[in-house]
Amino acid sequence: MAIRVTVDIVVFTFANAALKVLLVRRKRTPHRGRMALPGGFIGEREPLEHAALRELKEETGLRVMTAEQIGSFDDPRRDPRGRTVSVVHLALVAAAPAPRGGSDASQAAWLPVGKLPPLAFDHKQIIACALERLRDKLDYSSAGFQLLPRKFSLPELQTLYEAVLGHKLDKRNFRKKMALLGILKPLMEWRHTGRKPARLYSLIPKKFEKFKDKGILFPF
């Protein structure tokens, strides 16, 4: 029995106070017309990550430099065309550009993770696994900051954490933890979005790496 190998890529961004995932509308059967993750079959001599980034660019026009391999999905019934194993990759982008459909995708769009339509194949399960991976990465990496612009406010940062974790955080405790960590640099800039201007901050990468190297987690 021939087993085919595909790649799928989950790309998250943070926009309008919501965590969003990049999806495409399939042009071809199976699941024609349904939304799905960007992906497809790998070339005979093509590395997996290269294939994932190529499919992403061909189907959405979005170009990213690297993607993390987070697992494989091999349910024998996942693809009606035959036994197919998908190797899944994860990428994070900030200030994501508007995507466009291409190759075998008629449309591409950023959709809120919490309000997804019925998806093709097992892509809902794949997105759930990718979200769990992102939640884990909040504890020991700068993954959350990769979804923000270089300059951000504390309300934006807290809203991001809440969107990823899926629950509200106490404002006072969140700010106290950030102050104790000392990984944010206050800037002499403010953003006027409401009644009171919000001060902007940037991440101090060296300080963050120092904590990470010591195995300190960032629980929120």
N, C-alpha and C. Protein backbone atom coordinates (compact mmCIF):
# COMPACT_ATOMS: atom_id res chain seq x y z
N MET A 1 0.84 -1.20 0.00
CA MET A 1 0.00 0.00 0.00
C MET A 1 0.87 1.25 0.00
N ALA A 2 0.61 2.15 -0.91
CA ALA A 2 1.37 3.39 -0.97
C ALA A 2 0.85 4.38 0.07
N ILE A 3 1.78 4.97 0.80
CA ILE A 3 1.43 5.99 1.79
C ILE A 3 1.98 7.32 1.30
N ARG A 4 1.09 8.28 1.17
CA ARG A 4 1.50 9.59 0.68
C ARG A 4 1.76 10.53 1.86
N VAL A 5 2.68 11.47 1.65
CA VAL A 5 3.05 12.42 2.70
C VAL A 5 2.70 13.84 2.26
N THR A 6 2.00 14.55 3.11
CA THR A 6 1.67 15.94 2.86
C THR A 6 2.20 16.81 3.99
N VAL A 7 2.17 18.11 3.77
CA VAL A 7 2.47 19.07 4.83
C VAL A 7 1.27 20.00 4.98
N ASP A 8 1.00 20.39 6.20
CA ASP A 8 0.03 21.44 6.49
C ASP A 8 0.72 22.45 7.39
N ILE A 9 0.35 23.72 7.26
CA ILE A 9 0.98 24.74 8.08
C ILE A 9 -0.08 25.59 8.77
N VAL A 10 0.07 25.71 10.09
CA VAL A 10 -0.81 26.55 10.90
C VAL A 10 -0.08 27.87 11.13
N VAL A 11 -0.67 28.96 10.66
CA VAL A 11 -0.09 30.29 10.85
C VAL A 11 -1.04 31.11 11.71
N PHE A 12 -0.54 31.53 12.87
CA PHE A 12 -1.33 32.36 13.77
C PHE A 12 -0.89 33.81 13.67
N THR A 13 -1.85 34.71 13.84
CA THR A 13 -1.56 36.13 14.02
C THR A 13 -2.51 36.67 15.06
N PHE A 14 -2.25 37.90 15.52
CA PHE A 14 -3.09 38.55 16.52
C PHE A 14 -3.55 39.88 15.96
N ALA A 15 -4.86 40.02 15.78
CA ALA A 15 -5.41 41.24 15.19
C ALA A 15 -6.79 41.51 15.74
N ASN A 16 -7.09 42.80 15.99
CA ASN A 16 -8.40 43.20 16.52
C ASN A 16 -8.76 42.44 17.78
N ALA A 17 -7.76 42.29 18.66
CA ALA A 17 -7.93 41.65 19.97
C ALA A 17 -8.31 40.18 19.88
N ALA A 18 -8.00 39.53 18.76
CA ALA A 18 -8.35 38.12 18.58
C ALA A 18 -7.17 37.35 17.99
N LEU A 19 -7.01 36.11 18.42
CA LEU A 19 -6.04 35.22 17.80
C LEU A 19 -6.67 34.64 16.54
N LYS A 20 -5.97 34.76 15.42
CA LYS A 20 -6.53 34.32 14.14
C LYS A 20 -5.59 33.32 13.47
N VAL A 21 -6.19 32.48 12.63
CA VAL A 21 -5.45 31.47 11.88
C VAL A 21 -5.70 31.67 10.40
N LEU A 22 -4.69 31.40 9.60
CA LEU A 22 -4.80 31.59 8.15
C LEU A 22 -5.38 30.34 7.49
N LEU A 23 -6.50 30.51 6.78
CA LEU A 23 -7.17 29.40 6.11
C LEU A 23 -7.38 29.71 4.64
N VAL A 24 -7.53 28.66 3.85
CA VAL A 24 -7.81 28.81 2.42
C VAL A 24 -9.07 28.02 2.08
N ARG A 25 -9.74 28.43 0.99
CA ARG A 25 -10.91 27.70 0.53
C ARG A 25 -10.48 26.79 -0.62
N ARG A 26 -10.76 25.50 -0.46
CA ARG A 26 -10.29 24.51 -1.42
C ARG A 26 -11.02 24.62 -2.76
N LYS A 27 -10.24 24.53 -3.84
CA LYS A 27 -10.82 24.53 -5.19
C LYS A 27 -11.19 23.13 -5.65
N ARG A 28 -10.53 22.13 -5.07
CA ARG A 28 -10.64 20.77 -5.61
C ARG A 28 -11.23 19.82 -4.59
N THR A 29 -11.73 18.69 -5.09
CA THR A 29 -12.17 17.61 -4.22
C THR A 29 -10.93 16.91 -3.67
N PRO A 30 -11.04 16.29 -2.50
CA PRO A 30 -12.22 16.25 -1.63
C PRO A 30 -12.40 17.55 -0.84
N HIS A 31 -13.57 17.71 -0.28
CA HIS A 31 -13.90 18.89 0.54
C HIS A 31 -13.84 20.18 -0.27
N ARG A 32 -14.18 20.10 -1.53
CA ARG A 32 -14.18 21.30 -2.36
C ARG A 32 -15.10 22.37 -1.77
N GLY A 33 -14.61 23.60 -1.68
CA GLY A 33 -15.38 24.70 -1.13
C GLY A 33 -15.25 24.90 0.36
N ARG A 34 -14.67 23.93 1.06
CA ARG A 34 -14.47 24.08 2.50
C ARG A 34 -13.17 24.81 2.79
N MET A 35 -13.15 25.46 3.95
CA MET A 35 -11.92 26.10 4.40
C MET A 35 -10.98 25.03 4.95
N ALA A 36 -9.68 25.29 4.76
CA ALA A 36 -8.67 24.32 5.17
C ALA A 36 -7.36 25.05 5.45
N LEU A 37 -6.44 24.35 6.06
CA LEU A 37 -5.11 24.89 6.27
C LEU A 37 -4.34 24.89 4.95
N PRO A 38 -3.45 25.84 4.73
CA PRO A 38 -2.56 25.76 3.57
C PRO A 38 -1.72 24.48 3.66
N GLY A 39 -1.53 23.84 2.54
CA GLY A 39 -0.72 22.61 2.56
C GLY A 39 -0.87 21.84 1.27
N GLY A 40 -0.15 20.72 1.20
CA GLY A 40 -0.22 19.89 0.00
C GLY A 40 0.85 18.81 0.04
N PHE A 41 1.00 18.12 -1.08
CA PHE A 41 1.95 17.02 -1.16
C PHE A 41 3.38 17.55 -1.30
N ILE A 42 4.32 16.81 -0.74
CA ILE A 42 5.71 17.22 -0.81
C ILE A 42 6.34 16.71 -2.11
N GLY A 43 7.38 17.41 -2.57
CA GLY A 43 8.14 16.94 -3.72
C GLY A 43 9.05 15.79 -3.34
N GLU A 44 9.45 15.01 -4.33
CA GLU A 44 10.26 13.81 -4.07
C GLU A 44 11.57 14.14 -3.35
N ARG A 45 12.19 15.28 -3.68
CA ARG A 45 13.46 15.65 -3.07
C ARG A 45 13.34 16.90 -2.20
N GLU A 46 12.14 17.17 -1.73
CA GLU A 46 11.87 18.42 -1.02
C GLU A 46 11.85 18.22 0.49
N PRO A 47 12.64 18.99 1.25
CA PRO A 47 12.55 18.93 2.71
C PRO A 47 11.16 19.35 3.19
N LEU A 48 10.75 18.82 4.31
CA LEU A 48 9.39 19.06 4.79
C LEU A 48 9.12 20.54 5.05
N GLU A 49 10.03 21.22 5.74
CA GLU A 49 9.80 22.63 6.04
C GLU A 49 9.73 23.46 4.75
N HIS A 50 10.58 23.14 3.81
CA HIS A 50 10.57 23.86 2.53
C HIS A 50 9.22 23.68 1.84
N ALA A 51 8.70 22.45 1.90
CA ALA A 51 7.40 22.18 1.27
C ALA A 51 6.29 22.97 1.95
N ALA A 52 6.32 23.04 3.28
CA ALA A 52 5.29 23.78 4.01
C ALA A 52 5.33 25.27 3.66
N LEU A 53 6.53 25.85 3.61
CA LEU A 53 6.65 27.27 3.29
C LEU A 53 6.28 27.54 1.84
N ARG A 54 6.61 26.61 0.95
CA ARG A 54 6.25 26.76 -0.47
C ARG A 54 4.73 26.75 -0.64
N GLU A 55 4.07 25.77 -0.01
CA GLU A 55 2.61 25.68 -0.12
C GLU A 55 1.95 26.93 0.46
N LEU A 56 2.48 27.43 1.55
CA LEU A 56 1.93 28.64 2.15
C LEU A 56 2.00 29.81 1.17
N LYS A 57 3.14 29.99 0.55
CA LYS A 57 3.31 31.10 -0.39
C LYS A 57 2.42 30.91 -1.63
N GLU A 58 2.37 29.68 -2.16
CA GLU A 58 1.58 29.44 -3.36
C GLU A 58 0.09 29.64 -3.13
N GLU A 59 -0.40 29.27 -1.95
CA GLU A 59 -1.83 29.29 -1.71
C GLU A 59 -2.33 30.60 -1.09
N THR A 60 -1.45 31.38 -0.46
CA THR A 60 -1.91 32.59 0.23
C THR A 60 -1.10 33.83 -0.14
N GLY A 61 0.05 33.67 -0.76
CA GLY A 61 0.92 34.80 -1.05
C GLY A 61 1.77 35.23 0.13
N LEU A 62 1.57 34.60 1.30
CA LEU A 62 2.32 34.96 2.51
C LEU A 62 3.66 34.24 2.51
N ARG A 63 4.71 34.99 2.73
CA ARG A 63 6.06 34.42 2.81
C ARG A 63 6.58 34.55 4.24
N VAL A 64 6.95 33.43 4.86
CA VAL A 64 7.61 33.44 6.15
C VAL A 64 8.93 32.69 6.00
N MET A 65 9.88 33.01 6.88
CA MET A 65 11.22 32.47 6.73
C MET A 65 11.39 31.09 7.33
N THR A 66 10.73 30.84 8.47
CA THR A 66 10.89 29.55 9.14
C THR A 66 9.55 29.09 9.71
N ALA A 67 9.45 27.79 9.92
CA ALA A 67 8.27 27.21 10.56
C ALA A 67 8.74 26.04 11.42
N GLU A 68 8.07 25.84 12.54
CA GLU A 68 8.43 24.78 13.48
C GLU A 68 7.58 23.54 13.21
N GLN A 69 8.22 22.40 13.08
CA GLN A 69 7.49 21.15 12.92
C GLN A 69 6.94 20.73 14.29
N ILE A 70 5.62 20.52 14.37
CA ILE A 70 5.02 20.25 15.68
C ILE A 70 4.39 18.87 15.78
N GLY A 71 4.38 18.09 14.72
CA GLY A 71 3.84 16.75 14.83
C GLY A 71 3.30 16.22 13.52
N SER A 72 2.79 15.00 13.56
CA SER A 72 2.22 14.37 12.38
C SER A 72 0.85 13.80 12.70
N PHE A 73 0.00 13.73 11.67
CA PHE A 73 -1.35 13.21 11.81
C PHE A 73 -1.51 12.07 10.81
N ASP A 74 -1.88 10.90 11.33
CA ASP A 74 -1.82 9.70 10.49
C ASP A 74 -3.04 8.81 10.58
N ASP A 75 -4.18 9.35 11.00
CA ASP A 75 -5.40 8.54 11.03
C ASP A 75 -5.65 7.99 9.62
N PRO A 76 -5.79 6.69 9.47
CA PRO A 76 -6.00 6.11 8.13
C PRO A 76 -7.22 6.65 7.40
N ARG A 77 -8.18 7.21 8.15
CA ARG A 77 -9.43 7.70 7.54
C ARG A 77 -9.42 9.21 7.31
N ARG A 78 -8.29 9.86 7.56
CA ARG A 78 -8.28 11.33 7.51
C ARG A 78 -8.41 11.89 6.09
N ASP A 79 -8.08 11.10 5.08
CA ASP A 79 -8.14 11.57 3.70
C ASP A 79 -8.84 10.52 2.85
N PRO A 80 -9.99 10.85 2.24
CA PRO A 80 -10.73 9.86 1.46
C PRO A 80 -9.99 9.40 0.20
N ARG A 81 -8.92 10.07 -0.18
CA ARG A 81 -8.17 9.67 -1.38
C ARG A 81 -7.24 8.50 -1.12
N GLY A 82 -7.03 8.15 0.15
CA GLY A 82 -6.14 7.05 0.48
C GLY A 82 -5.28 7.40 1.69
N ARG A 83 -4.45 6.46 2.09
CA ARG A 83 -3.64 6.63 3.30
C ARG A 83 -2.67 7.80 3.11
N THR A 84 -2.83 8.83 3.94
CA THR A 84 -2.03 10.04 3.82
C THR A 84 -1.60 10.50 5.20
N VAL A 85 -0.31 10.72 5.34
CA VAL A 85 0.24 11.24 6.60
C VAL A 85 0.59 12.71 6.40
N SER A 86 0.12 13.56 7.30
CA SER A 86 0.42 14.99 7.22
C SER A 86 1.40 15.37 8.31
N VAL A 87 2.47 16.05 7.92
CA VAL A 87 3.44 16.60 8.87
C VAL A 87 3.12 18.08 9.03
N VAL A 88 2.80 18.48 10.26
CA VAL A 88 2.26 19.81 10.51
C VAL A 88 3.35 20.76 11.02
N HIS A 89 3.29 21.99 10.52
CA HIS A 89 4.23 23.03 10.93
C HIS A 89 3.46 24.21 11.52
N LEU A 90 4.16 24.98 12.34
CA LEU A 90 3.57 26.15 13.01
C LEU A 90 4.42 27.38 12.73
N ALA A 91 3.77 28.50 12.39
CA ALA A 91 4.46 29.77 12.19
C ALA A 91 3.64 30.87 12.85
N LEU A 92 4.33 31.90 13.34
CA LEU A 92 3.71 33.04 14.00
C LEU A 92 4.10 34.31 13.28
N VAL A 93 3.13 35.18 13.02
CA VAL A 93 3.43 36.43 12.32
C VAL A 93 2.71 37.58 13.01
N ALA A 94 3.32 38.74 12.97
CA ALA A 94 2.72 39.97 13.51
C ALA A 94 2.33 40.87 12.34
N ALA A 95 1.31 41.67 12.55
CA ALA A 95 0.86 42.61 11.52
C ALA A 95 0.74 41.91 10.17
N ALA A 96 -0.05 40.85 10.16
CA ALA A 96 -0.14 40.02 8.96
C ALA A 96 -0.79 40.78 7.80
N PRO A 97 -0.22 40.65 6.62
CA PRO A 97 -0.82 41.28 5.45
C PRO A 97 -2.07 40.53 5.00
N ALA A 98 -2.88 41.18 4.20
CA ALA A 98 -4.07 40.53 3.65
C ALA A 98 -3.64 39.41 2.72
N PRO A 99 -4.11 38.18 2.93
CA PRO A 99 -3.71 37.08 2.06
C PRO A 99 -4.51 37.08 0.76
N ARG A 100 -4.05 36.29 -0.19
CA ARG A 100 -4.76 36.14 -1.46
C ARG A 100 -4.79 34.67 -1.83
N GLY A 101 -5.83 34.24 -2.49
CA GLY A 101 -5.91 32.85 -2.93
C GLY A 101 -4.97 32.60 -4.10
N GLY A 102 -4.52 31.36 -4.23
CA GLY A 102 -3.62 31.00 -5.32
C GLY A 102 -3.53 29.51 -5.47
N SER A 103 -2.91 29.04 -6.54
CA SER A 103 -2.78 27.61 -6.89
C SER A 103 -4.13 26.92 -6.70
N ASP A 104 -4.26 25.97 -5.76
CA ASP A 104 -5.52 25.24 -5.62
C ASP A 104 -6.41 25.83 -4.53
N ALA A 105 -6.20 27.11 -4.18
CA ALA A 105 -7.05 27.79 -3.20
C ALA A 105 -7.76 28.96 -3.87
N SER A 106 -9.08 29.01 -3.74
CA SER A 106 -9.84 30.09 -4.37
C SER A 106 -9.92 31.32 -3.49
N GLN A 107 -9.60 31.18 -2.22
CA GLN A 107 -9.70 32.29 -1.28
C GLN A 107 -8.76 32.01 -0.11
N ALA A 108 -8.24 33.07 0.50
CA ALA A 108 -7.45 32.93 1.72
C ALA A 108 -7.89 34.01 2.68
N ALA A 109 -7.97 33.68 3.97
CA ALA A 109 -8.48 34.66 4.94
C ALA A 109 -7.98 34.32 6.34
N TRP A 110 -7.85 35.38 7.15
CA TRP A 110 -7.56 35.21 8.58
C TRP A 110 -8.89 35.09 9.32
N LEU A 111 -9.09 34.00 10.04
CA LEU A 111 -10.33 33.78 10.77
C LEU A 111 -10.04 33.59 12.25
N PRO A 112 -10.92 34.12 13.13
CA PRO A 112 -10.72 33.95 14.57
C PRO A 112 -10.72 32.47 14.95
N VAL A 113 -9.77 32.09 15.77
CA VAL A 113 -9.65 30.69 16.17
C VAL A 113 -10.90 30.21 16.90
N GLY A 114 -11.56 31.11 17.62
CA GLY A 114 -12.74 30.71 18.38
C GLY A 114 -14.02 30.66 17.58
N LYS A 115 -13.98 31.04 16.29
CA LYS A 115 -15.20 31.07 15.47
C LYS A 115 -14.93 30.46 14.10
N LEU A 116 -14.46 29.25 14.08
CA LEU A 116 -14.10 28.60 12.82
C LEU A 116 -15.31 27.90 12.20
N PRO A 117 -15.42 27.93 10.88
CA PRO A 117 -16.47 27.18 10.20
C PRO A 117 -16.07 25.70 10.13
N PRO A 118 -16.95 24.83 9.63
CA PRO A 118 -16.55 23.43 9.40
C PRO A 118 -15.34 23.39 8.46
N LEU A 119 -14.33 22.60 8.82
CA LEU A 119 -13.08 22.57 8.07
C LEU A 119 -12.90 21.24 7.36
N ALA A 120 -12.04 21.24 6.35
CA ALA A 120 -11.72 20.02 5.60
C ALA A 120 -10.84 19.09 6.43
N PHE A 121 -10.93 17.81 6.09
CA PHE A 121 -10.07 16.79 6.70
C PHE A 121 -10.17 16.85 8.24
N ASP A 122 -9.00 16.73 8.91
CA ASP A 122 -8.95 16.82 10.37
C ASP A 122 -8.32 18.14 10.81
N HIS A 123 -8.53 19.18 10.02
CA HIS A 123 -7.83 20.43 10.26
C HIS A 123 -8.28 21.15 11.53
N LYS A 124 -9.50 20.91 11.97
CA LYS A 124 -9.93 21.49 13.25
C LYS A 124 -9.09 20.90 14.38
N GLN A 125 -8.86 19.60 14.33
CA GLN A 125 -8.04 18.93 15.34
C GLN A 125 -6.60 19.42 15.27
N ILE A 126 -6.09 19.62 14.07
CA ILE A 126 -4.71 20.10 13.90
C ILE A 126 -4.56 21.49 14.50
N ILE A 127 -5.53 22.37 14.26
CA ILE A 127 -5.46 23.72 14.80
C ILE A 127 -5.50 23.69 16.33
N ALA A 128 -6.33 22.80 16.89
CA ALA A 128 -6.40 22.68 18.35
C ALA A 128 -5.05 22.24 18.92
N CYS A 129 -4.38 21.32 18.24
CA CYS A 129 -3.06 20.87 18.71
C CYS A 129 -2.03 21.98 18.59
N ALA A 130 -2.11 22.75 17.50
CA ALA A 130 -1.18 23.87 17.32
C ALA A 130 -1.41 24.93 18.39
N LEU A 131 -2.65 25.16 18.75
CA LEU A 131 -2.96 26.13 19.80
C LEU A 131 -2.39 25.67 21.14
N GLU A 132 -2.49 24.40 21.43
CA GLU A 132 -1.90 23.88 22.66
C GLU A 132 -0.39 24.06 22.66
N ARG A 133 0.21 23.85 21.52
CA ARG A 133 1.66 24.06 21.40
C ARG A 133 2.01 25.52 21.67
N LEU A 134 1.23 26.43 21.11
CA LEU A 134 1.47 27.86 21.33
C LEU A 134 1.31 28.20 22.81
N ARG A 135 0.29 27.66 23.45
CA ARG A 135 0.09 27.91 24.88
C ARG A 135 1.29 27.43 25.70
N ASP A 136 1.81 26.26 25.36
CA ASP A 136 2.99 25.75 26.06
C ASP A 136 4.19 26.68 25.86
N LYS A 137 4.34 27.21 24.65
CA LYS A 137 5.48 28.05 24.32
C LYS A 137 5.45 29.38 25.08
N LEU A 138 4.26 29.83 25.51
CA LEU A 138 4.18 31.06 26.29
C LEU A 138 4.98 30.95 27.58
N ASP A 139 5.13 29.72 28.11
CA ASP A 139 5.81 29.52 29.39
C ASP A 139 7.32 29.69 29.32
N TYR A 140 7.91 29.44 28.16
CA TYR A 140 9.38 29.40 28.13
C TYR A 140 10.00 30.09 26.92
N SER A 141 9.20 30.74 26.09
CA SER A 141 9.76 31.37 24.90
C SER A 141 9.11 32.74 24.69
N SER A 142 9.62 33.45 23.72
CA SER A 142 9.06 34.77 23.39
C SER A 142 7.98 34.66 22.31
N ALA A 143 7.35 33.50 22.21
CA ALA A 143 6.35 33.26 21.16
C ALA A 143 5.24 34.31 21.19
N GLY A 144 4.77 34.68 22.38
CA GLY A 144 3.70 35.66 22.45
C GLY A 144 4.09 36.99 21.84
N PHE A 145 5.33 37.39 22.06
CA PHE A 145 5.80 38.67 21.55
C PHE A 145 5.99 38.64 20.03
N GLN A 146 6.12 37.45 19.47
CA GLN A 146 6.25 37.34 18.02
C GLN A 146 4.94 37.68 17.30
N LEU A 147 3.84 37.70 18.06
CA LEU A 147 2.54 38.02 17.49
C LEU A 147 2.21 39.51 17.61
N LEU A 148 3.10 40.26 18.24
CA LEU A 148 2.87 41.68 18.46
C LEU A 148 3.84 42.52 17.64
N PRO A 149 3.49 43.78 17.37
CA PRO A 149 4.48 44.68 16.76
C PRO A 149 5.62 44.92 17.74
N ARG A 150 6.69 45.51 17.27
CA ARG A 150 7.87 45.73 18.13
C ARG A 150 7.54 46.63 19.32
N LYS A 151 6.61 47.56 19.12
CA LYS A 151 6.16 48.43 20.20
C LYS A 151 4.71 48.09 20.53
N PHE A 152 4.42 47.90 21.80
CA PHE A 152 3.08 47.49 22.19
C PHE A 152 2.75 48.06 23.56
N SER A 153 1.47 48.10 23.88
CA SER A 153 1.03 48.56 25.19
C SER A 153 0.77 47.36 26.09
N LEU A 154 0.72 47.60 27.40
CA LEU A 154 0.42 46.51 28.33
C LEU A 154 -0.99 45.95 28.13
N PRO A 155 -2.00 46.79 27.84
CA PRO A 155 -3.31 46.20 27.53
C PRO A 155 -3.27 45.28 26.31
N GLU A 156 -2.50 45.65 25.29
CA GLU A 156 -2.38 44.79 24.10
C GLU A 156 -1.72 43.46 24.47
N LEU A 157 -0.67 43.54 25.30
CA LEU A 157 0.03 42.32 25.70
C LEU A 157 -0.88 41.41 26.51
N GLN A 158 -1.63 41.97 27.45
CA GLN A 158 -2.53 41.15 28.26
C GLN A 158 -3.64 40.55 27.40
N THR A 159 -4.19 41.34 26.49
CA THR A 159 -5.24 40.82 25.61
C THR A 159 -4.72 39.67 24.76
N LEU A 160 -3.47 39.78 24.31
CA LEU A 160 -2.87 38.69 23.55
C LEU A 160 -2.80 37.41 24.39
N TYR A 161 -2.27 37.53 25.61
CA TYR A 161 -2.18 36.35 26.48
C TYR A 161 -3.56 35.75 26.72
N GLU A 162 -4.56 36.59 26.94
CA GLU A 162 -5.90 36.09 27.18
C GLU A 162 -6.46 35.38 25.95
N ALA A 163 -6.17 35.92 24.76
CA ALA A 163 -6.66 35.31 23.53
C ALA A 163 -6.04 33.93 23.31
N VAL A 164 -4.76 33.81 23.62
CA VAL A 164 -4.07 32.52 23.43
C VAL A 164 -4.50 31.52 24.50
N LEU A 165 -4.55 31.97 25.75
CA LEU A 165 -4.87 31.06 26.86
C LEU A 165 -6.35 30.71 26.92
N GLY A 166 -7.19 31.60 26.38
CA GLY A 166 -8.62 31.31 26.37
C GLY A 166 -9.35 31.68 27.63
N HIS A 167 -8.76 32.53 28.47
CA HIS A 167 -9.46 32.99 29.67
C HIS A 167 -8.91 34.34 30.09
N LYS A 168 -9.68 35.05 30.93
CA LYS A 168 -9.31 36.37 31.39
C LYS A 168 -8.20 36.29 32.45
N LEU A 169 -7.40 37.34 32.51
CA LEU A 169 -6.34 37.46 33.51
C LEU A 169 -6.58 38.70 34.35
N ASP A 170 -6.21 38.62 35.62
CA ASP A 170 -6.34 39.77 36.49
C ASP A 170 -5.33 40.84 36.07
N LYS A 171 -5.83 42.03 35.80
CA LYS A 171 -4.98 43.10 35.31
C LYS A 171 -3.85 43.43 36.27
N ARG A 172 -4.16 43.54 37.55
CA ARG A 172 -3.14 43.91 38.53
C ARG A 172 -2.06 42.84 38.64
N ASN A 173 -2.47 41.59 38.73
CA ASN A 173 -1.49 40.51 38.84
C ASN A 173 -0.63 40.40 37.59
N PHE A 174 -1.25 40.58 36.42
CA PHE A 174 -0.50 40.48 35.17
C PHE A 174 0.60 41.54 35.13
N ARG A 175 0.25 42.76 35.47
CA ARG A 175 1.24 43.84 35.42
C ARG A 175 2.31 43.66 36.48
N LYS A 176 1.92 43.13 37.64
CA LYS A 176 2.91 42.89 38.70
C LYS A 176 3.93 41.85 38.26
N LYS A 177 3.46 40.79 37.62
CA LYS A 177 4.37 39.75 37.14
C LYS A 177 5.32 40.28 36.08
N MET A 178 4.78 41.08 35.16
CA MET A 178 5.63 41.65 34.13
C MET A 178 6.68 42.58 34.73
N ALA A 179 6.29 43.36 35.74
CA ALA A 179 7.23 44.26 36.38
C ALA A 179 8.32 43.49 37.11
N LEU A 180 7.95 42.40 37.77
CA LEU A 180 8.93 41.59 38.50
C LEU A 180 9.92 40.93 37.54
N LEU A 181 9.45 40.50 36.39
CA LEU A 181 10.33 39.86 35.41
C LEU A 181 11.33 40.86 34.84
N GLY A 182 10.89 42.10 34.66
CA GLY A 182 11.78 43.13 34.15
C GLY A 182 12.23 42.90 32.72
N ILE A 183 11.38 42.27 31.90
CA ILE A 183 11.77 41.96 30.52
C ILE A 183 11.24 42.99 29.52
N LEU A 184 10.52 44.02 30.04
CA LEU A 184 9.94 45.03 29.17
C LEU A 184 10.65 46.37 29.36
N LYS A 185 10.91 47.03 28.26
CA LYS A 185 11.52 48.36 28.30
C LYS A 185 10.45 49.41 28.04
N PRO A 186 10.20 50.30 29.03
CA PRO A 186 9.22 51.37 28.80
C PRO A 186 9.76 52.40 27.83
N LEU A 187 8.94 52.81 26.90
CA LEU A 187 9.34 53.78 25.88
C LEU A 187 8.70 55.13 26.17
N MET A 188 9.30 56.16 25.67
CA MET A 188 8.74 57.51 25.81
C MET A 188 7.75 57.77 24.67
N GLU A 189 6.85 56.80 24.51
CA GLU A 189 5.83 56.90 23.47
C GLU A 189 4.52 56.38 24.03
N TRP A 190 3.41 56.96 23.57
CA TRP A 190 2.10 56.57 24.03
C TRP A 190 1.18 56.36 22.82
N ARG A 191 0.21 55.47 22.99
CA ARG A 191 -0.78 55.24 21.95
C ARG A 191 -2.14 55.75 22.42
N HIS A 192 -2.77 56.57 21.62
CA HIS A 192 -4.06 57.15 21.99
C HIS A 192 -5.17 56.30 21.39
N THR A 193 -5.72 55.41 22.21
CA THR A 193 -6.78 54.52 21.73
C THR A 193 -8.06 54.64 22.54
N GLY A 194 -8.00 55.26 23.69
CA GLY A 194 -9.18 55.37 24.55
C GLY A 194 -9.16 56.67 25.30
N ARG A 195 -9.75 56.65 26.49
CA ARG A 195 -9.81 57.86 27.30
C ARG A 195 -8.42 58.28 27.77
N LYS A 196 -7.57 57.28 28.05
CA LYS A 196 -6.25 57.56 28.59
C LYS A 196 -5.19 56.97 27.67
N PRO A 197 -4.16 57.75 27.29
CA PRO A 197 -3.10 57.20 26.43
C PRO A 197 -2.39 56.03 27.10
N ALA A 198 -2.07 55.01 26.32
CA ALA A 198 -1.39 53.83 26.84
C ALA A 198 0.09 53.91 26.49
N ARG A 199 0.93 53.73 27.50
CA ARG A 199 2.37 53.77 27.26
C ARG A 199 2.80 52.55 26.45
N LEU A 200 3.80 52.74 25.60
CA LEU A 200 4.30 51.65 24.78
C LEU A 200 5.57 51.06 25.39
N TYR A 201 5.76 49.77 25.12
CA TYR A 201 6.91 49.02 25.64
C TYR A 201 7.52 48.20 24.50
N SER A 202 8.72 47.73 24.74
CA SER A 202 9.34 46.77 23.83
C SER A 202 10.00 45.67 24.67
N LEU A 203 10.15 44.50 24.09
CA LEU A 203 10.79 43.38 24.79
C LEU A 203 12.29 43.60 24.85
N ILE A 204 12.89 43.20 25.98
CA ILE A 204 14.35 43.20 26.12
C ILE A 204 14.83 41.77 25.88
N PRO A 205 15.22 41.43 24.66
CA PRO A 205 15.53 40.03 24.32
C PRO A 205 16.60 39.41 25.22
N LYS A 206 17.67 40.14 25.52
CA LYS A 206 18.77 39.57 26.31
C LYS A 206 18.29 39.18 27.71
N LYS A 207 17.43 40.03 28.30
CA LYS A 207 16.92 39.73 29.63
C LYS A 207 16.00 38.52 29.59
N PHE A 208 15.19 38.44 28.55
CA PHE A 208 14.29 37.29 28.40
C PHE A 208 15.10 36.01 28.27
N GLU A 209 16.15 36.03 27.43
CA GLU A 209 16.99 34.84 27.22
C GLU A 209 17.68 34.43 28.51
N LYS A 210 18.06 35.40 29.33
CA LYS A 210 18.72 35.10 30.60
C LYS A 210 17.81 34.30 31.50
N PHE A 211 16.54 34.70 31.58
CA PHE A 211 15.57 33.95 32.38
C PHE A 211 15.35 32.57 31.79
N LYS A 212 15.19 32.52 30.48
CA LYS A 212 14.90 31.23 29.83
C LYS A 212 16.03 30.24 30.05
N ASP A 213 17.28 30.71 29.96
CA ASP A 213 18.43 29.83 30.14
C ASP A 213 18.49 29.24 31.54
N LYS A 214 17.91 29.94 32.51
CA LYS A 214 17.88 29.44 33.88
C LYS A 214 16.69 28.53 34.14
N GLY A 215 15.87 28.34 33.11
CA GLY A 215 14.71 27.45 33.25
C GLY A 215 13.53 28.08 33.96
N ILE A 216 13.50 29.41 34.03
CA ILE A 216 12.40 30.11 34.66
C ILE A 216 11.20 30.15 33.72
N LEU A 217 10.05 29.74 34.23
CA LEU A 217 8.84 29.75 33.42
C LEU A 217 8.12 31.08 33.57
N PHE A 218 7.21 31.33 32.66
CA PHE A 218 6.46 32.57 32.65
C PHE A 218 4.97 32.25 32.79
N PRO A 219 4.55 31.86 34.01
CA PRO A 219 3.14 31.43 34.17
C PRO A 219 2.18 32.60 34.24
N PHE A 220 1.11 32.52 33.44
CA PHE A 220 0.05 33.52 33.48
C PHE A 220 -1.29 32.81 33.43
